[in-house]
């Protein structure tokens, strides 16, 4: 058998990455996305895009994504192969470490072909040392979905002090249903989990003054809502309710984020939540957010 060569791309080799035959049932390709086009748009870098070759044939590929100013990738979100052994060796060899986010169609387990493709990638990533953390829903709201009415029960005010926001995030993280928050809390503690969330929100290229704290008319803190943008879409960056206010239907802080983004003139809003976070998933459904895709996160 021809020796396996594992290396990053060089500038201009995008077509080499695209040459691997893949049915496009899972991952970004399943949603009409193309590596070469996205690389030309600056979303992928050659040094973060790796291939495994036998001779001149690509038998595995992986691309890690990060923002334009990031010094390390934030996610592995392109991973395909025709040779499982090569795929496992690629992930072990590449000096890049980030969460693997595998996008799949809604109800992906119901289609045997899709289930097999997803299962093969999860199996290879697991063999390379990763493990499944959580499955998530990803939503895409558009104006034709209808703008949910503001209930008017709360007051929303900007809060410019990051120390205040950090304290709120710490309180929101208590007994959180979010798997990433729970994972970071278990490994590094609640302060680290709150700081990680704040750092991610500060990383987003949208205005800081969009962030809002929610208060009752009596002046009691309810939570925080962060309408935002990432590098490709308007998003719901964060919605969280402090423990003492849970159970009162306040997760509709999502509605305020939606209105604030619409007032900025957006024509779409992307959002996500864990499938196991049933209260938040129900809130997205009530607010008219359809599920666009599902996502499996491995760490």
Foldseek 3Di string as FASTA:
>chain_A
DADKDKAFADPPCLVLQVQADDPQQKFPSVVVDGRVVCVVVVFFDRRQKMFIDRPSHTFKIWGFGDDPPDPAGAETGDIDGNDLVSSLVNLLPRPHDYKYKMWHAPVQVVDVVSVVRVVSVQVSVVSNPKHWQFKKFKWKDFCVLPQDDDPPQKDKDFDPDVVVQLVQLLQLLVVDPARQSVVCCVVPRSSVSSVVLSVVLVPAPFDSRQKIWIAGPVGHTFGIWHFGHHPPFTEGSDFTGGPVNPPPPPSLVVSVSVVSVVVVPGRMYMYMGTPRPVVNVVSCVVRRTDGGIMIIIMD
